[in-house]
Amino acid sequence: MSETKPALVLHLATGGEPLVFTLGDEEADELAKKLHLLLEHGSVEAVQTKEDTKVVINFAHVAAAYVEDLQRRGKVFGLR
């Protein structure tokens, strides 16, 4: 089985290039389960990145968000 590199991809409502934050496997699974609620309610959430950095995201400013495997880069909307 190949190694996965999960990441949170955020497309801001103001446009521009997407923001990409690498995640650990456990964090990616947890975030994927509640991502739709964070977007629906415009919540603020602290996300732990794979590099042990905590990023606080205000989902009220996010137009689209998804968790994706960077190993598949180029095969997903928003990633080149």
PDB file of N, CA and C in Angstrom:
ATOM      1  N   MET A   1       0.844  -1.182   0.000  1.00  0.00           N
ATOM      2  CA  MET A   1       0.000   0.000   0.000  1.00  0.00           C
ATOM      3  C   MET A   1       0.886   1.240   0.000  1.00  0.00           C
ATOM      4  N   SER A   2       0.583   2.209  -0.860  1.00  0.00           N
ATOM      5  CA  SER A   2       1.406   3.409  -0.947  1.00  0.00           C
ATOM      6  C   SER A   2       1.113   4.360   0.209  1.00  0.00           C
ATOM      7  N   GLU A   3       2.095   5.167   0.503  1.00  0.00           N
ATOM      8  CA  GLU A   3       1.984   6.137   1.581  1.00  0.00           C
ATOM      9  C   GLU A   3       0.989   7.229   1.185  1.00  0.00           C
ATOM     10  N   THR A   4       0.180   7.667   2.143  1.00  0.00           N
ATOM     11  CA  THR A   4      -0.746   8.757   1.872  1.00  0.00           C
ATOM     12  C   THR A   4      -0.216  10.032   2.502  1.00  0.00           C
ATOM     13  N   LYS A   5      -0.597  11.152   1.924  1.00  0.00           N
ATOM     14  CA  LYS A   5      -0.224  12.463   2.439  1.00  0.00           C
ATOM     15  C   LYS A   5      -1.482  13.314   2.501  1.00  0.00           C
ATOM     16  N   PRO A   6      -2.299  13.118   3.540  1.00  0.00           N
ATOM     17  CA  PRO A   6      -3.551  13.875   3.623  1.00  0.00           C
ATOM     18  C   PRO A   6      -3.293  15.359   3.868  1.00  0.00           C
ATOM     19  N   ALA A   7      -4.171  16.178   3.295  1.00  0.00           N
ATOM     20  CA  ALA A   7      -4.062  17.625   3.452  1.00  0.00           C
ATOM     21  C   ALA A   7      -5.453  18.242   3.448  1.00  0.00           C
ATOM     22  N   LEU A   8      -5.573  19.347   4.157  1.00  0.00           N
ATOM     23  CA  LEU A   8      -6.785  20.154   4.134  1.00  0.00           C
ATOM     24  C   LEU A   8      -6.578  21.214   3.056  1.00  0.00           C
ATOM     25  N   VAL A   9      -7.502  21.273   2.106  1.00  0.00           N
ATOM     26  CA  VAL A   9      -7.432  22.254   1.023  1.00  0.00           C
ATOM     27  C   VAL A   9      -8.578  23.238   1.225  1.00  0.00           C
ATOM     28  N   LEU A  10      -8.228  24.526   1.291  1.00  0.00           N
ATOM     29  CA  LEU A  10      -9.222  25.579   1.503  1.00  0.00           C
ATOM     30  C   LEU A  10      -9.233  26.539   0.318  1.00  0.00           C
ATOM     31  N   HIS A  11     -10.411  26.779  -0.229  1.00  0.00           N
ATOM     32  CA  HIS A  11     -10.607  27.789  -1.261  1.00  0.00           C
ATOM     33  C   HIS A  11     -11.341  28.941  -0.580  1.00  0.00           C
ATOM     34  N   LEU A  12     -10.685  30.071  -0.447  1.00  0.00           N
ATOM     35  CA  LEU A  12     -11.279  31.208   0.241  1.00  0.00           C
ATOM     36  C   LEU A  12     -12.348  31.872  -0.618  1.00  0.00           C
ATOM     37  N   ALA A  13     -13.334  32.457   0.034  1.00  0.00           N
ATOM     38  CA  ALA A  13     -14.431  33.128  -0.657  1.00  0.00           C
ATOM     39  C   ALA A  13     -13.934  34.323  -1.471  1.00  0.00           C
ATOM     40  N   THR A  14     -12.809  34.900  -1.088  1.00  0.00           N
ATOM     41  CA  THR A  14     -12.260  36.059  -1.793  1.00  0.00           C
ATOM     42  C   THR A  14     -11.465  35.680  -3.027  1.00  0.00           C
ATOM     43  N   GLY A  15     -11.284  34.379  -3.268  1.00  0.00           N
ATOM     44  CA  GLY A  15     -10.563  33.915  -4.448  1.00  0.00           C
ATOM     45  C   GLY A  15      -9.089  33.702  -4.169  1.00  0.00           C
ATOM     46  N   GLY A  16      -8.318  33.593  -5.221  1.00  0.00           N
ATOM     47  CA  GLY A  16      -6.887  33.353  -5.093  1.00  0.00           C
ATOM     48  C   GLY A  16      -6.569  31.870  -5.070  1.00  0.00           C
ATOM     49  N   GLU A  17      -5.298  31.570  -4.890  1.00  0.00           N
ATOM     50  CA  GLU A  17      -4.839  30.185  -4.850  1.00  0.00           C
ATOM     51  C   GLU A  17      -5.349  29.501  -3.582  1.00  0.00           C
ATOM     52  N   PRO A  18      -5.613  28.203  -3.649  1.00  0.00           N
ATOM     53  CA  PRO A  18      -6.067  27.492  -2.446  1.00  0.00           C
ATOM     54  C   PRO A  18      -4.960  27.391  -1.406  1.00  0.00           C
ATOM     55  N   LEU A  19      -5.349  27.346  -0.150  1.00  0.00           N
ATOM     56  CA  LEU A  19      -4.427  27.114   0.956  1.00  0.00           C
ATOM     57  C   LEU A  19      -4.397  25.620   1.228  1.00  0.00           C
ATOM     58  N   VAL A  20      -3.205  25.065   1.420  1.00  0.00           N
ATOM     59  CA  VAL A  20      -3.055  23.630   1.630  1.00  0.00           C
ATOM     60  C   VAL A  20      -2.279  23.397   2.919  1.00  0.00           C
ATOM     61  N   PHE A  21      -2.864  22.630   3.835  1.00  0.00           N
ATOM     62  CA  PHE A  21      -2.238  22.299   5.115  1.00  0.00           C
ATOM     63  C   PHE A  21      -2.131  20.789   5.224  1.00  0.00           C
ATOM     64  N   THR A  22      -0.918  20.271   5.366  1.00  0.00           N
ATOM     65  CA  THR A  22      -0.753  18.828   5.522  1.00  0.00           C
ATOM     66  C   THR A  22      -1.248  18.407   6.896  1.00  0.00           C
ATOM     67  N   LEU A  23      -1.836  17.213   6.952  1.00  0.00           N
ATOM     68  CA  LEU A  23      -2.430  16.701   8.183  1.00  0.00           C
ATOM     69  C   LEU A  23      -1.899  15.306   8.481  1.00  0.00           C
ATOM     70  N   GLY A  24      -1.950  14.939   9.742  1.00  0.00           N
ATOM     71  CA  GLY A  24      -1.705  13.549  10.123  1.00  0.00           C
ATOM     72  C   GLY A  24      -2.935  12.733   9.776  1.00  0.00           C
ATOM     73  N   ASP A  25      -2.778  11.424   9.690  1.00  0.00           N
ATOM     74  CA  ASP A  25      -3.898  10.553   9.309  1.00  0.00           C
ATOM     75  C   ASP A  25      -5.091  10.686  10.251  1.00  0.00           C
ATOM     76  N   GLU A  26      -4.818  10.712  11.548  1.00  0.00           N
ATOM     77  CA  GLU A  26      -5.902  10.802  12.531  1.00  0.00           C
ATOM     78  C   GLU A  26      -6.628  12.140  12.437  1.00  0.00           C
ATOM     79  N   GLU A  27      -5.876  13.227  12.334  1.00  0.00           N
ATOM     80  CA  GLU A  27      -6.476  14.556  12.214  1.00  0.00           C
ATOM     81  C   GLU A  27      -7.300  14.650  10.929  1.00  0.00           C
ATOM     82  N   ALA A  28      -6.809  14.079   9.848  1.00  0.00           N
ATOM     83  CA  ALA A  28      -7.529  14.112   8.572  1.00  0.00           C
ATOM     84  C   ALA A  28      -8.874  13.399   8.687  1.00  0.00           C
ATOM     85  N   ASP A  29      -8.884  12.243   9.323  1.00  0.00           N
ATOM     86  CA  ASP A  29     -10.132  11.496   9.495  1.00  0.00           C
ATOM     87  C   ASP A  29     -11.139  12.272  10.336  1.00  0.00           C
ATOM     88  N   GLU A  30     -10.676  12.845  11.452  1.00  0.00           N
ATOM     89  CA  GLU A  30     -11.559  13.614  12.346  1.00  0.00           C
ATOM     90  C   GLU A  30     -12.135  14.832  11.616  1.00  0.00           C
ATOM     91  N   LEU A  31     -11.271  15.552  10.907  1.00  0.00           N
ATOM     92  CA  LEU A  31     -11.696  16.769  10.225  1.00  0.00           C
ATOM     93  C   LEU A  31     -12.665  16.456   9.080  1.00  0.00           C
ATOM     94  N   ALA A  32     -12.404  15.407   8.342  1.00  0.00           N
ATOM     95  CA  ALA A  32     -13.273  15.030   7.227  1.00  0.00           C
ATOM     96  C   ALA A  32     -14.699  14.760   7.696  1.00  0.00           C
ATOM     97  N   LYS A  33     -14.847  14.202   8.892  1.00  0.00           N
ATOM     98  CA  LYS A  33     -16.176  13.883   9.430  1.00  0.00           C
ATOM     99  C   LYS A  33     -16.991  15.127   9.769  1.00  0.00           C
ATOM    100  N   LYS A  34     -16.320  16.208  10.156  1.00  0.00           N
ATOM    101  CA  LYS A  34     -17.068  17.396  10.598  1.00  0.00           C
ATOM    102  C   LYS A  34     -16.902  18.606   9.686  1.00  0.00           C
ATOM    103  N   LEU A  35     -16.207  18.458   8.586  1.00  0.00           N
ATOM    104  CA  LEU A  35     -15.932  19.579   7.697  1.00  0.00           C
ATOM    105  C   LEU A  35     -17.208  20.230   7.171  1.00  0.00           C
ATOM    106  N   HIS A  36     -18.189  19.425   6.824  1.00  0.00           N
ATOM    107  CA  HIS A  36     -19.445  19.991   6.313  1.00  0.00           C
ATOM    108  C   HIS A  36     -20.141  20.864   7.360  1.00  0.00           C
ATOM    109  N   LEU A  37     -20.040  20.494   8.617  1.00  0.00           N
ATOM    110  CA  LEU A  37     -20.656  21.303   9.682  1.00  0.00           C
ATOM    111  C   LEU A  37     -19.901  22.610   9.901  1.00  0.00           C
ATOM    112  N   LEU A  38     -18.574  22.549   9.821  1.00  0.00           N
ATOM    113  CA  LEU A  38     -17.768  23.758   9.982  1.00  0.00           C
ATOM    114  C   LEU A  38     -18.104  24.778   8.895  1.00  0.00           C
ATOM    115  N   LEU A  39     -18.262  24.311   7.671  1.00  0.00           N
ATOM    116  CA  LEU A  39     -18.621  25.206   6.568  1.00  0.00           C
ATOM    117  C   LEU A  39     -20.053  25.710   6.693  1.00  0.00           C
ATOM    118  N   GLU A  40     -20.965  24.824   7.040  1.00  0.00           N
ATOM    119  CA  GLU A  40     -22.379  25.191   7.152  1.00  0.00           C
ATOM    120  C   GLU A  40     -22.604  26.274   8.204  1.00  0.00           C
ATOM    121  N   HIS A  41     -21.902  26.171   9.322  1.00  0.00           N
ATOM    122  CA  HIS A  41     -22.112  27.105  10.433  1.00  0.00           C
ATOM    123  C   HIS A  41     -21.097  28.244  10.462  1.00  0.00           C
ATOM    124  N   GLY A  42     -20.122  28.242   9.568  1.00  0.00           N
ATOM    125  CA  GLY A  42     -19.105  29.293   9.563  1.00  0.00           C
ATOM    126  C   GLY A  42     -18.305  29.302  10.850  1.00  0.00           C
ATOM    127  N   SER A  43     -17.997  28.129  11.350  1.00  0.00           N
ATOM    128  CA  SER A  43     -17.322  27.980  12.636  1.00  0.00           C
ATOM    129  C   SER A  43     -15.839  28.338  12.562  1.00  0.00           C
ATOM    130  N   VAL A  44     -15.267  28.571  13.737  1.00  0.00           N
ATOM    131  CA  VAL A  44     -13.826  28.758  13.876  1.00  0.00           C
ATOM    132  C   VAL A  44     -13.279  27.487  14.516  1.00  0.00           C
ATOM    133  N   GLU A  45     -12.245  26.906  13.902  1.00  0.00           N
ATOM    134  CA  GLU A  45     -11.703  25.621  14.352  1.00  0.00           C
ATOM    135  C   GLU A  45     -10.177  25.669  14.353  1.00  0.00           C
ATOM    136  N   ALA A  46      -9.585  25.122  15.401  1.00  0.00           N
ATOM    137  CA  ALA A  46      -8.128  24.956  15.456  1.00  0.00           C
ATOM    138  C   ALA A  46      -7.789  23.606  14.845  1.00  0.00           C
ATOM    139  N   VAL A  47      -6.873  23.598  13.887  1.00  0.00           N
ATOM    140  CA  VAL A  47      -6.480  22.386  13.180  1.00  0.00           C
ATOM    141  C   VAL A  47      -4.992  22.145  13.424  1.00  0.00           C
ATOM    142  N   GLN A  48      -4.657  20.936  13.845  1.00  0.00           N
ATOM    143  CA  GLN A  48      -3.261  20.548  14.086  1.00  0.00           C
ATOM    144  C   GLN A  48      -2.677  20.015  12.781  1.00  0.00           C
ATOM    145  N   THR A  49      -1.616  20.647  12.283  1.00  0.00           N
ATOM    146  CA  THR A  49      -0.994  20.187  11.042  1.00  0.00           C
ATOM    147  C   THR A  49       0.003  19.074  11.333  1.00  0.00           C
ATOM    148  N   LYS A  50       0.465  18.432  10.278  1.00  0.00           N
ATOM    149  CA  LYS A  50       1.433  17.352  10.421  1.00  0.00           C
ATOM    150  C   LYS A  50       2.765  17.869  10.966  1.00  0.00           C
ATOM    151  N   GLU A  51       3.054  19.140  10.736  1.00  0.00           N
ATOM    152  CA  GLU A  51       4.295  19.759  11.217  1.00  0.00           C
ATOM    153  C   GLU A  51       4.172  20.250  12.660  1.00  0.00           C
ATOM    154  N   ASP A  52       3.130  19.814  13.375  1.00  0.00           N
ATOM    155  CA  ASP A  52       2.865  20.184  14.769  1.00  0.00           C
ATOM    156  C   ASP A  52       2.626  21.682  14.950  1.00  0.00           C
ATOM    157  N   THR A  53       2.014  22.283  13.972  1.00  0.00           N
ATOM    158  CA  THR A  53       1.601  23.680  14.057  1.00  0.00           C
ATOM    159  C   THR A  53       0.089  23.706  14.183  1.00  0.00           C
ATOM    160  N   LYS A  54      -0.420  24.547  15.046  1.00  0.00           N
ATOM    161  CA  LYS A  54      -1.865  24.686  15.187  1.00  0.00           C
ATOM    162  C   LYS A  54      -2.304  25.907  14.374  1.00  0.00           C
ATOM    163  N   VAL A  55      -3.243  25.696  13.451  1.00  0.00           N
ATOM    164  CA  VAL A  55      -3.774  26.746  12.597  1.00  0.00           C
ATOM    165  C   VAL A  55      -5.232  26.957  12.968  1.00  0.00           C
ATOM    166  N   VAL A  56      -5.611  28.194  13.236  1.00  0.00           N
ATOM    167  CA  VAL A  56      -7.004  28.504  13.556  1.00  0.00           C
ATOM    168  C   VAL A  56      -7.662  29.045  12.291  1.00  0.00           C
ATOM    169  N   ILE A  57      -8.735  28.386  11.865  1.00  0.00           N
ATOM    170  CA  ILE A  57      -9.390  28.715  10.597  1.00  0.00           C
ATOM    171  C   ILE A  57     -10.805  29.203  10.863  1.00  0.00           C
ATOM    172  N   ASN A  58     -11.143  30.339  10.271  1.00  0.00           N
ATOM    173  CA  ASN A  58     -12.499  30.865  10.323  1.00  0.00           C
ATOM    174  C   ASN A  58     -13.211  30.404   9.054  1.00  0.00           C
ATOM    175  N   PHE A  59     -14.037  29.384   9.166  1.00  0.00           N
ATOM    176  CA  PHE A  59     -14.685  28.789   8.007  1.00  0.00           C
ATOM    177  C   PHE A  59     -15.765  29.678   7.406  1.00  0.00           C
ATOM    178  N   ALA A  60     -16.086  30.804   8.042  1.00  0.00           N
ATOM    179  CA  ALA A  60     -17.027  31.757   7.460  1.00  0.00           C
ATOM    180  C   ALA A  60     -16.430  32.411   6.210  1.00  0.00           C
ATOM    181  N   HIS A  61     -15.110  32.362   6.067  1.00  0.00           N
ATOM    182  CA  HIS A  61     -14.422  32.970   4.920  1.00  0.00           C
ATOM    183  C   HIS A  61     -13.999  31.940   3.879  1.00  0.00           C
ATOM    184  N   VAL A  62     -14.449  30.706   4.047  1.00  0.00           N
ATOM    185  CA  VAL A  62     -14.052  29.619   3.150  1.00  0.00           C
ATOM    186  C   VAL A  62     -15.225  29.276   2.235  1.00  0.00           C
ATOM    187  N   ALA A  63     -14.970  29.250   0.921  1.00  0.00           N
ATOM    188  CA  ALA A  63     -16.014  28.906  -0.051  1.00  0.00           C
ATOM    189  C   ALA A  63     -16.107  27.399  -0.249  1.00  0.00           C
ATOM    190  N   ALA A  64     -14.973  26.716  -0.237  1.00  0.00           N
ATOM    191  CA  ALA A  64     -14.947  25.268  -0.416  1.00  0.00           C
ATOM    192  C   ALA A  64     -13.773  24.704   0.361  1.00  0.00           C
ATOM    193  N   ALA A  65     -13.980  23.535   0.946  1.00  0.00           N
ATOM    194  CA  ALA A  65     -12.916  22.879   1.714  1.00  0.00           C
ATOM    195  C   ALA A  65     -13.065  21.376   1.572  1.00  0.00           C
ATOM    196  N   TYR A  66     -11.925  20.691   1.511  1.00  0.00           N
ATOM    197  CA  TYR A  66     -11.951  19.241   1.444  1.00  0.00           C
ATOM    198  C   TYR A  66     -10.626  18.684   1.923  1.00  0.00           C
ATOM    199  N   VAL A  67     -10.662  17.432   2.341  1.00  0.00           N
ATOM    200  CA  VAL A  67      -9.448  16.721   2.739  1.00  0.00           C
ATOM    201  C   VAL A  67      -9.079  15.822   1.576  1.00  0.00           C
ATOM    202  N   GLU A  68      -7.837  15.931   1.133  1.00  0.00           N
ATOM    203  CA  GLU A  68      -7.400  15.172  -0.043  1.00  0.00           C
ATOM    204  C   GLU A  68      -6.008  14.606   0.174  1.00  0.00           C
ATOM    205  N   ASP A  69      -5.716  13.553  -0.536  1.00  0.00           N
ATOM    206  CA  ASP A  69      -4.408  12.915  -0.491  1.00  0.00           C
ATOM    207  C   ASP A  69      -3.492  13.605  -1.507  1.00  0.00           C
ATOM    208  N   LEU A  70      -2.415  14.225  -1.039  1.00  0.00           N
ATOM    209  CA  LEU A  70      -1.502  14.932  -1.936  1.00  0.00           C
ATOM    210  C   LEU A  70      -0.754  13.988  -2.869  1.00  0.00           C
ATOM    211  N   GLN A  71      -0.748  12.699  -2.587  1.00  0.00           N
ATOM    212  CA  GLN A  71      -0.141  11.720  -3.489  1.00  0.00           C
ATOM    213  C   GLN A  71      -0.900  11.692  -4.815  1.00  0.00           C
ATOM    214  N   ARG A  72      -2.153  12.082  -4.779  1.00  0.00           N
ATOM    215  CA  ARG A  72      -2.990  12.093  -5.980  1.00  0.00           C
ATOM    216  C   ARG A  72      -3.043  13.477  -6.604  1.00  0.00           C
ATOM    217  N   ARG A  73      -2.145  14.339  -6.251  1.00  0.00           N
ATOM    218  CA  ARG A  73      -2.120  15.723  -6.716  1.00  0.00           C
ATOM    219  C   ARG A  73      -2.277  15.774  -8.239  1.00  0.00           C
ATOM    220  N   GLY A  74      -3.085  16.719  -8.698  1.00  0.00           N
ATOM    221  CA  GLY A  74      -3.327  16.868 -10.114  1.00  0.00           C
ATOM    222  C   GLY A  74      -4.560  16.117 -10.597  1.00  0.00           C
ATOM    223  N   LYS A  75      -5.130  15.274  -9.759  1.00  0.00           N
ATOM    224  CA  LYS A  75      -6.301  14.502 -10.139  1.00  0.00           C
ATOM    225  C   LYS A  75      -7.565  15.019  -9.455  1.00  0.00           C
ATOM    226  N   VAL A  76      -7.434  16.141  -8.741  1.00  0.00           N
ATOM    227  CA  VAL A  76      -8.521  16.635  -7.913  1.00  0.00           C
ATOM    228  C   VAL A  76      -8.778  18.101  -8.238  1.00  0.00           C
ATOM    229  N   PHE A  77     -10.026  18.506  -8.203  1.00  0.00           N
ATOM    230  CA  PHE A  77     -10.394  19.901  -8.393  1.00  0.00           C
ATOM    231  C   PHE A  77      -9.594  20.799  -7.474  1.00  0.00           C
ATOM    232  N   GLY A  78      -9.012  21.841  -8.021  1.00  0.00           N
ATOM    233  CA  GLY A  78      -8.314  22.835  -7.197  1.00  0.00           C
ATOM    234  C   GLY A  78      -6.844  22.596  -7.001  1.00  0.00           C
ATOM    235  N   LEU A  79      -6.349  21.406  -7.313  1.00  0.00           N
ATOM    236  CA  LEU A  79      -4.928  21.132  -7.167  1.00  0.00           C
ATOM    237  C   LEU A  79      -4.298  20.949  -8.528  1.00  0.00           C
ATOM    238  N   ARG A  80      -3.108  21.492  -8.700  1.00  0.00           N
ATOM    239  CA  ARG A  80      -2.415  21.364  -9.984  1.00  0.00           C
ATOM    240  C   ARG A  80      -1.229  20.475  -9.847  1.00  0.00           C
TER     241      ARG A  80
END
